[in-house]
């Protein structure tokens, strides 16, 4: 239901959530690759298309980003992975809260990087290679952590 009980508010909390997600979602991507469910790739493709169509709208992009991660979890066929991601809900996406509250848009370069990372995850899942899928997810979430820290001004962009 997405009824997350702990909503990350600080940079430390967002970092902790991303660290947790690296473990959970790397295994989720691996399990999705191994399950090879016929509904997985169409769901991932639809989520990717929606993310790209959302453009620079921060709230819509965040929702579409979550749907991609939820589709990876659903692709496992394991209700525990699915329930864990649903419990975290859209707040699990590492987007600074101030961006969602403002009328700011997301830079196109950031959106393209996230879309490219999602496509890499999708392709690794499609290949059926669990290790590649796990690695693609881990890289994506590590990059998400880096983007979050750059936006918070705690690390240099590069």
Protein backbone atom coordinates (compact mmCIF):
# COMPACT_ATOMS: atom_id res chain seq x y z
CA UNK A 1 0.00 0.00 0.00
CA UNK A 2 3.00 2.29 0.18
CA UNK A 3 2.23 3.01 3.84
CA UNK A 4 5.79 3.82 4.76
CA UNK A 5 6.18 4.39 8.49
CA UNK A 6 9.57 6.10 8.29
CA UNK A 7 9.86 8.95 5.80
CA UNK A 8 13.46 10.07 5.24
CA UNK A 9 13.82 13.80 5.77
CA UNK A 10 17.51 14.48 6.35
CA UNK A 11 20.47 13.77 4.10
CA UNK A 12 21.67 11.13 6.58
CA UNK A 13 18.27 9.39 6.49
CA UNK A 14 18.16 9.52 2.67
CA UNK A 15 21.69 8.06 2.53
CA UNK A 16 20.66 5.28 4.94
CA UNK A 17 17.62 4.50 2.80
CA UNK A 18 19.73 4.30 -0.36
CA UNK A 19 22.20 1.99 1.39
CA UNK A 20 19.29 -0.27 2.38
CA UNK A 21 17.89 -0.15 -1.13
CA UNK A 22 21.25 -1.19 -2.61
CA UNK A 23 21.00 -4.51 -0.80
CA UNK A 24 17.29 -5.06 -1.31
CA UNK A 25 16.97 -3.91 -4.89
CA UNK A 26 20.17 -5.52 -6.16
CA UNK A 27 18.74 -8.86 -5.06
CA UNK A 28 15.34 -7.89 -6.46
CA UNK A 29 16.86 -7.21 -9.90
CA UNK A 30 18.74 -10.52 -9.79
CA UNK A 31 15.58 -12.42 -8.86
CA UNK A 32 13.62 -10.65 -11.58
CA UNK A 33 16.24 -11.68 -14.16
CA UNK A 34 16.04 -15.29 -13.04
CA UNK A 35 12.24 -15.39 -12.92
CA UNK A 36 11.90 -14.31 -16.56
CA UNK A 37 8.18 -13.60 -16.18
CA UNK A 38 6.44 -12.65 -19.44
CA UNK A 39 4.88 -9.55 -17.89
CA UNK A 40 8.14 -8.07 -16.62
CA UNK A 41 9.64 -6.53 -19.76
CA UNK A 42 6.39 -4.87 -20.89
CA UNK A 43 5.96 -3.40 -17.40
CA UNK A 44 9.56 -2.14 -17.35
CA UNK A 45 9.19 -0.69 -20.85
CA UNK A 46 5.96 1.09 -19.87
CA UNK A 47 7.61 2.54 -16.76
CA UNK A 48 10.61 3.71 -18.80
CA UNK A 49 8.34 5.35 -21.38
CA UNK A 50 6.32 7.08 -18.65
CA UNK A 51 9.51 8.33 -17.00
CA UNK A 52 10.73 9.82 -20.27
CA UNK A 53 7.28 11.31 -20.98
CA UNK A 54 7.17 12.94 -17.53
CA UNK A 55 9.79 15.37 -18.73
CA UNK A 56 11.23 17.68 -16.14
CA UNK A 57 8.20 17.62 -13.81
CA UNK A 58 9.79 16.58 -10.49
CA UNK A 59 6.73 15.01 -8.82
CA UNK A 60 5.67 13.10 -11.93
CA UNK A 61 9.22 11.93 -12.62
CA UNK A 62 9.52 10.66 -9.04
CA UNK A 63 6.27 8.73 -9.37
CA UNK A 64 7.37 7.16 -12.67
CA UNK A 65 10.79 6.35 -11.21
CA UNK A 66 9.07 4.50 -8.36
CA UNK A 67 6.88 2.59 -10.83
CA UNK A 68 10.02 1.32 -12.57
CA UNK A 69 11.43 -0.01 -9.30
CA UNK A 70 8.04 -1.50 -8.39
CA UNK A 71 7.95 -3.27 -11.78
CA UNK A 72 11.38 -4.79 -11.10
CA UNK A 73 10.06 -6.09 -7.76
CA UNK A 74 6.86 -7.42 -9.32
CA UNK A 75 8.99 -9.19 -11.91
CA UNK A 76 10.44 -11.45 -9.25
CA UNK A 77 7.12 -13.19 -8.69
CA UNK A 78 8.08 -13.10 -5.01
CA UNK A 79 5.49 -11.19 -2.98
CA UNK A 80 8.04 -10.32 -0.29
CA UNK A 81 10.18 -8.30 -2.70
CA UNK A 82 7.08 -6.62 -4.08
CA UNK A 83 5.68 -5.86 -0.62
CA UNK A 84 9.02 -4.43 0.58
CA UNK A 85 9.21 -1.97 -2.32
CA UNK A 86 5.53 -1.07 -2.01
CA UNK A 87 5.98 -0.46 1.72
CA UNK A 88 8.80 1.99 1.02
CA UNK A 89 6.56 3.78 -1.47
CA UNK A 90 7.48 6.71 -3.73
CA UNK A 91 9.33 8.40 -0.84
CA UNK A 92 12.14 5.88 -1.46
CA UNK A 93 13.18 7.81 -4.56
CA UNK A 94 16.18 9.99 -3.72
CA UNK A 95 14.88 13.37 -4.73
CA UNK A 96 15.46 16.39 -2.52
CA UNK A 97 12.19 17.31 -0.82
CA UNK A 98 12.64 21.00 -1.63
CA UNK A 99 12.51 20.19 -5.34
CA UNK A 100 9.13 18.51 -4.94
CA UNK A 101 7.77 21.46 -2.97
CA UNK A 102 9.01 24.04 -5.44
CA UNK A 103 8.19 24.58 -9.07
CA UNK A 104 11.74 23.60 -10.01
CA UNK A 105 12.24 21.15 -12.78
CA UNK A 106 14.79 18.39 -12.99
CA UNK A 107 17.72 19.06 -15.33
CA UNK A 108 17.42 17.12 -18.59
CA UNK A 109 20.93 15.72 -18.15
CA UNK A 110 19.97 14.15 -14.81
CA UNK A 111 16.80 12.67 -16.26
CA UNK A 112 18.71 11.21 -19.18
CA UNK A 113 21.29 9.66 -16.85
CA UNK A 114 18.57 8.03 -14.73
CA UNK A 115 16.72 6.82 -17.84
CA UNK A 116 19.96 5.33 -19.21
CA UNK A 117 20.61 3.57 -15.91
CA UNK A 118 17.04 2.21 -15.86
CA UNK A 119 17.47 0.96 -19.42
CA UNK A 120 20.65 -0.83 -18.35
CA UNK A 121 18.74 -2.53 -15.53
CA UNK A 122 15.95 -3.47 -17.91
CA UNK A 123 18.38 -4.92 -20.43
CA UNK A 124 20.25 -6.89 -17.78
CA UNK A 125 16.97 -8.35 -16.54
CA UNK A 126 15.99 -9.17 -20.13
CA UNK A 127 19.28 -11.04 -20.59
CA UNK A 128 18.42 -13.34 -17.69
CA UNK A 129 21.81 -12.64 -16.15
CA UNK A 130 21.21 -12.24 -12.42
CA UNK A 131 24.69 -10.91 -11.68
CA UNK A 132 24.45 -8.27 -14.41
CA UNK A 133 21.00 -7.21 -13.21
CA UNK A 134 22.19 -6.91 -9.61
CA UNK A 135 25.26 -4.94 -10.70
CA UNK A 136 23.21 -2.57 -12.88
CA UNK A 137 20.85 -1.86 -9.98
CA UNK A 138 23.73 -1.35 -7.54
CA UNK A 139 25.43 1.10 -9.92
CA UNK A 140 22.16 2.98 -10.42
CA UNK A 141 21.57 3.33 -6.68
CA UNK A 142 25.20 4.29 -6.01
CA UNK A 143 24.83 6.96 -8.70
CA UNK A 144 21.57 8.09 -7.08
CA UNK A 145 23.41 8.51 -3.79
CA UNK A 146 26.12 10.52 -5.54
CA UNK A 147 23.52 12.76 -7.25
CA UNK A 148 21.79 13.33 -3.90
CA UNK A 149 25.06 14.32 -2.24
CA UNK A 150 26.00 16.64 -5.12
CA UNK A 151 22.64 18.40 -4.87
CA UNK A 152 23.07 18.70 -1.09
CA UNK A 153 26.50 20.23 -1.64
CA UNK A 154 28.40 17.60 0.35
CA UNK A 155 30.43 16.20 -2.55
CA UNK A 156 31.82 17.57 -5.77
CA UNK A 157 30.15 16.81 -9.08
CA UNK A 158 32.35 14.57 -11.10
